[in-house]
Amino acid sequence: MPVAQNLIANETIAFSAKKHWVAPIRDSVIPILLLIGAYLVNWVSPDKEGGVFGTVGNLLDLFRSGLIIVAVVWIIYNVIVWRTAEFVVTNLRVVREEGFISRRSSATLLGAVSDVKSKVGILGKGLHYGDLTIYTQSGAAGADRFKTITEPEGFRNAIMAKKMSDARDLAGRATPAAGAAAATPMAAAAPAPLAASTAPEQNPADTLNQLADLRDRGAITPEEYEAKKVEILARM
């Protein structure tokens, strides 16, 4: 079932990707070797002259036919997987639907994502595909790997941008709560004005630290970091 038809309440799609057309080729290395093996078997198969050589030739023909059937079915399966795979970033989750007979589905809450790493080779840069690994608090044991997907860096950036947006929203909700606390009779004490004056300065600093950490880990580019830094400093 397409991801768009299986969303939960108040969930919307922010970014989507598919498997790249290189995927069925990359996944079909073994069946291609089987086809090469079938050709070699046909090449060494003796002529059907009866006797022992004729029997051996018939057995090799059966073996060759088996190799061809397995290879062709395997390649067709890989093509179906390529056409049906779907990878989506929503406002709540990262969702993967992949496979046909052996279906592989996963849904990771954005709040549980701790890191996202992309791997794009030289060929991938030219053809716009790559691999993506999503890590959660459980570390490598809970890593979810998306192989040979389109626009892996855009997919990664969509995840990190949504997490940063959620962090800003959380900080924005925390600031009015701090102001309401300052309005209570307890806030009239001497330490309260100091806390009120320092609280607004803490949030931008935390945000800058988080941005620097994302930049150091390669989750965002230095240009994105500098742009966000200028924006945050302008609000201070």
Protein backbone atom coordinates (compact mmCIF):
# COMPACT_ATOMS: atom_id res chain seq x y z
CA MET A 1 0.00 0.00 0.00
CA PRO A 2 1.41 3.46 -0.87
CA VAL A 3 2.59 5.49 2.11
CA ALA A 4 0.23 8.34 1.20
CA GLN A 5 -2.72 6.01 1.83
CA ASN A 6 -1.42 4.84 5.19
CA LEU A 7 -0.74 8.09 7.03
CA ILE A 8 -1.92 8.63 10.60
CA ALA A 9 -4.05 11.52 11.82
CA ASN A 10 -2.58 15.01 11.16
CA GLU A 11 0.37 13.54 9.26
CA THR A 12 1.59 15.12 6.03
CA ILE A 13 4.40 14.22 3.62
CA ALA A 14 7.37 16.62 3.61
CA PHE A 15 9.76 14.75 1.28
CA SER A 16 9.64 11.51 -0.68
CA ALA A 17 12.14 9.41 -2.62
CA LYS A 18 12.19 6.25 -4.70
CA LYS A 19 14.73 3.59 -5.52
CA HIS A 20 16.99 4.73 -8.34
CA TRP A 21 17.02 2.82 -11.64
CA VAL A 22 20.56 1.71 -10.77
CA ALA A 23 19.07 -0.36 -7.90
CA PRO A 24 17.88 -3.37 -9.95
CA ILE A 25 21.25 -3.48 -11.72
CA ARG A 26 23.11 -3.26 -8.42
CA ASP A 27 20.91 -5.98 -6.89
CA SER A 28 21.20 -8.27 -9.93
CA VAL A 29 24.92 -9.03 -9.81
CA ILE A 30 24.33 -12.67 -8.81
CA PRO A 31 21.61 -13.39 -11.43
CA ILE A 32 23.85 -11.80 -14.09
CA LEU A 33 26.62 -14.18 -13.02
CA LEU A 34 24.13 -17.05 -13.31
CA LEU A 35 23.38 -16.03 -16.90
CA ILE A 36 27.10 -15.94 -17.65
CA GLY A 37 27.39 -19.40 -16.09
CA ALA A 38 24.54 -20.65 -18.29
CA TYR A 39 26.39 -19.39 -21.35
CA LEU A 40 29.58 -21.16 -20.26
CA VAL A 41 27.66 -24.40 -19.62
CA ASN A 42 26.20 -24.20 -23.12
CA TRP A 43 29.67 -23.58 -24.51
CA VAL A 44 31.23 -26.64 -22.86
CA SER A 45 28.23 -28.91 -23.41
CA PRO A 46 29.11 -31.79 -25.79
CA ASP A 47 27.19 -32.47 -28.96
CA LYS A 48 24.18 -34.77 -28.65
CA GLU A 49 25.66 -37.88 -30.25
CA GLY A 50 24.10 -40.45 -27.96
CA GLY A 51 25.86 -42.58 -25.41
CA VAL A 52 27.59 -41.10 -22.39
CA PHE A 53 28.33 -37.75 -24.03
CA GLY A 54 24.71 -37.40 -25.09
CA THR A 55 23.53 -38.06 -21.52
CA VAL A 56 26.01 -35.53 -20.11
CA GLY A 57 24.92 -33.00 -22.71
CA ASN A 58 21.25 -33.45 -21.77
CA LEU A 59 22.03 -33.00 -18.06
CA LEU A 60 24.05 -29.86 -18.77
CA ASP A 61 21.18 -28.50 -20.86
CA LEU A 62 18.80 -29.01 -17.94
CA PHE A 63 21.28 -27.32 -15.61
CA ARG A 64 21.68 -24.41 -18.04
CA SER A 65 17.89 -24.00 -18.31
CA GLY A 66 17.62 -23.95 -14.51
CA LEU A 67 20.25 -21.23 -14.27
CA ILE A 68 18.46 -19.12 -16.86
CA ILE A 69 15.05 -19.48 -15.16
CA VAL A 70 16.40 -18.59 -11.72
CA ALA A 71 18.33 -15.62 -13.09
CA VAL A 72 15.38 -14.22 -15.07
CA VAL A 73 12.93 -14.58 -12.15
CA TRP A 74 15.45 -12.95 -9.82
CA ILE A 75 15.94 -9.99 -12.16
CA ILE A 76 12.17 -9.54 -12.60
CA TYR A 77 11.76 -9.54 -8.82
CA ASN A 78 14.44 -6.85 -8.47
CA VAL A 79 12.67 -4.72 -11.07
CA ILE A 80 9.37 -5.04 -9.17
CA VAL A 81 11.09 -4.03 -5.92
CA TRP A 82 12.60 -1.02 -7.68
CA ARG A 83 9.23 0.11 -9.02
CA THR A 84 7.32 -0.31 -5.74
CA ALA A 85 9.81 0.93 -3.11
CA GLU A 86 8.97 4.21 -1.38
CA PHE A 87 10.82 6.33 1.20
CA VAL A 88 9.05 9.25 2.89
CA VAL A 89 9.72 11.96 5.45
CA THR A 90 6.52 13.22 7.09
CA ASN A 91 5.99 15.80 9.81
CA LEU A 92 6.05 12.92 12.32
CA ARG A 93 8.00 9.94 10.97
CA VAL A 94 10.51 8.52 8.52
CA VAL A 95 8.77 5.71 6.62
CA ARG A 96 10.16 2.98 4.36
CA GLU A 97 8.09 0.55 2.26
CA GLU A 98 10.19 -1.84 0.23
CA GLY A 99 10.10 -5.37 -1.15
CA PHE A 100 7.49 -7.58 -2.78
CA ILE A 101 7.40 -11.16 -1.51
CA SER A 102 9.63 -10.32 1.46
CA ARG A 103 8.19 -6.97 2.46
CA ARG A 104 10.42 -4.60 4.44
CA SER A 105 8.57 -1.83 6.25
CA SER A 106 9.82 0.57 8.89
CA ALA A 107 8.60 3.76 10.54
CA THR A 108 10.86 5.80 12.81
CA LEU A 109 9.57 8.75 14.83
CA LEU A 110 11.48 11.94 14.01
CA GLY A 111 11.99 12.56 17.72
CA ALA A 112 13.86 9.24 17.98
CA VAL A 113 16.29 10.02 15.15
CA SER A 114 19.74 10.86 16.54
CA ASP A 115 21.78 11.07 13.33
CA VAL A 116 21.50 10.65 9.56
CA LYS A 117 24.43 9.77 7.32
CA SER A 118 24.47 9.66 3.54
CA LYS A 119 26.93 7.85 1.28
CA VAL A 120 27.14 9.08 -2.29
CA GLY A 121 29.85 7.82 -4.64
CA ILE A 122 31.27 9.46 -7.74
CA LEU A 123 28.71 7.74 -9.97
CA GLY A 124 25.96 8.54 -7.47
CA LYS A 125 26.76 12.25 -7.61
CA GLY A 126 26.35 12.26 -11.35
CA LEU A 127 23.17 10.17 -11.36
CA HIS A 128 21.70 11.57 -8.10
CA TYR A 129 21.49 8.44 -5.99
CA GLY A 130 23.12 7.05 -2.86
CA ASP A 131 22.69 5.18 0.41
CA LEU A 132 21.24 6.59 3.62
CA THR A 133 21.62 5.33 7.20
CA ILE A 134 19.29 6.57 9.93
CA TYR A 135 20.43 6.14 13.53
CA THR A 136 18.28 6.25 16.66
CA GLN A 137 19.14 6.34 20.38
CA SER A 138 19.85 2.59 20.22
CA GLY A 139 22.87 3.27 17.98
CA ALA A 140 24.06 0.98 15.21
CA ALA A 141 21.80 -1.84 16.44
CA GLY A 142 18.73 0.17 15.48
CA ALA A 143 20.13 1.68 12.26
CA ASP A 144 17.79 1.73 9.27
CA ARG A 145 19.54 1.60 5.89
CA PHE A 146 17.99 2.88 2.66
CA LYS A 147 20.04 1.66 -0.32
CA THR A 148 20.27 3.23 -3.78
CA ILE A 149 17.59 5.89 -3.26
CA THR A 150 17.06 9.04 -5.27
CA GLU A 151 18.21 12.38 -3.78
CA PRO A 152 19.74 10.97 -0.56
CA GLU A 153 21.14 14.34 0.54
CA GLY A 154 17.78 16.04 0.06
CA PHE A 155 16.16 13.26 2.08
CA ARG A 156 18.74 13.71 4.87
CA ASN A 157 18.32 17.49 4.86
CA ALA A 158 14.53 17.15 5.07
CA ILE A 159 14.88 15.03 8.22
CA MET A 160 17.32 17.42 9.91
CA ALA A 161 15.33 20.51 8.89
CA LYS A 162 12.17 19.05 10.43
CA LYS A 163 14.03 18.17 13.64
CA MET A 164 15.46 21.70 13.86
CA SER A 165 12.01 23.16 13.26
CA ASP A 166 10.58 21.03 16.05
CA ALA A 167 13.42 22.15 18.36
CA ARG A 168 12.68 25.82 17.62
CA ASP A 169 8.98 25.28 18.26
CA LEU A 170 9.80 23.63 21.57
CA ALA A 171 12.07 26.52 22.55
CA GLY A 172 9.36 28.99 21.55
CA ARG A 173 6.83 27.27 23.78
CA ALA A 174 9.32 27.21 26.65
CA THR A 175 9.96 30.98 26.53
CA PRO A 176 6.34 32.07 27.26
CA ALA A 177 6.25 29.53 30.08
CA ALA A 178 9.34 31.16 31.61
CA GLY A 179 7.67 34.57 31.30
CA ALA A 180 4.55 33.32 33.05
CA ALA A 181 6.67 31.95 35.89
CA ALA A 182 8.33 35.35 36.28
CA ALA A 183 4.89 36.95 36.80
CA THR A 184 4.17 34.89 39.93
CA PRO A 185 4.78 36.33 43.44
CA MET A 186 7.87 34.12 43.71
CA ALA A 187 9.32 35.92 40.68
CA ALA A 188 9.29 39.21 42.59
CA ALA A 189 12.25 38.04 44.66
CA ALA A 190 15.74 39.36 43.88
CA PRO A 191 17.04 36.32 41.92
CA ALA A 192 14.05 36.38 39.54
CA PRO A 193 15.08 39.38 37.37
CA LEU A 194 18.52 37.80 36.89
CA ALA A 195 16.92 34.54 35.74
CA ALA A 196 14.55 36.42 33.44
CA SER A 197 17.39 38.42 31.94
CA THR A 198 19.60 35.41 31.31
CA ALA A 199 16.94 32.97 30.05
CA PRO A 200 16.44 34.61 26.60
CA GLU A 201 20.22 34.55 26.04
CA GLN A 202 20.49 30.82 26.78
CA ASN A 203 18.11 29.60 24.08
CA PRO A 204 20.03 31.13 21.10
CA ALA A 205 23.31 29.81 22.49
CA ASP A 206 21.89 26.30 22.81
CA THR A 207 20.56 26.54 19.28
CA LEU A 208 23.96 27.65 17.97
CA ASN A 209 25.64 24.75 19.77
CA GLN A 210 23.17 22.32 18.23
CA LEU A 211 23.76 23.80 14.78
CA ALA A 212 27.54 23.56 15.22
CA ASP A 213 27.18 19.90 16.25
CA LEU A 214 25.07 19.17 13.17
CA ARG A 215 27.64 20.93 10.99
CA ASP A 216 30.56 18.99 12.51
CA ARG A 217 28.76 15.69 11.92
CA GLY A 218 28.02 16.61 8.32
CA ALA A 219 24.24 16.75 8.83
CA ILE A 220 24.14 20.31 7.48
CA THR A 221 26.56 22.19 5.24
CA PRO A 222 28.80 25.02 6.49
CA GLU A 223 26.76 27.41 4.33
CA GLU A 224 23.52 26.32 6.01
CA TYR A 225 25.17 26.74 9.41
CA GLU A 226 26.37 30.28 8.65
CA ALA A 227 22.94 31.29 7.31
CA LYS A 228 21.18 30.02 10.44
CA LYS A 229 23.84 31.62 12.65
CA VAL A 230 23.29 35.04 11.09
CA GLU A 231 19.53 34.60 11.52
CA ILE A 232 19.84 33.67 15.21
CA LEU A 233 22.34 36.43 15.99
CA ALA A 234 20.06 38.98 14.36
CA ARG A 235 17.29 38.02 16.83
CA MET A 236 19.53 38.36 19.90
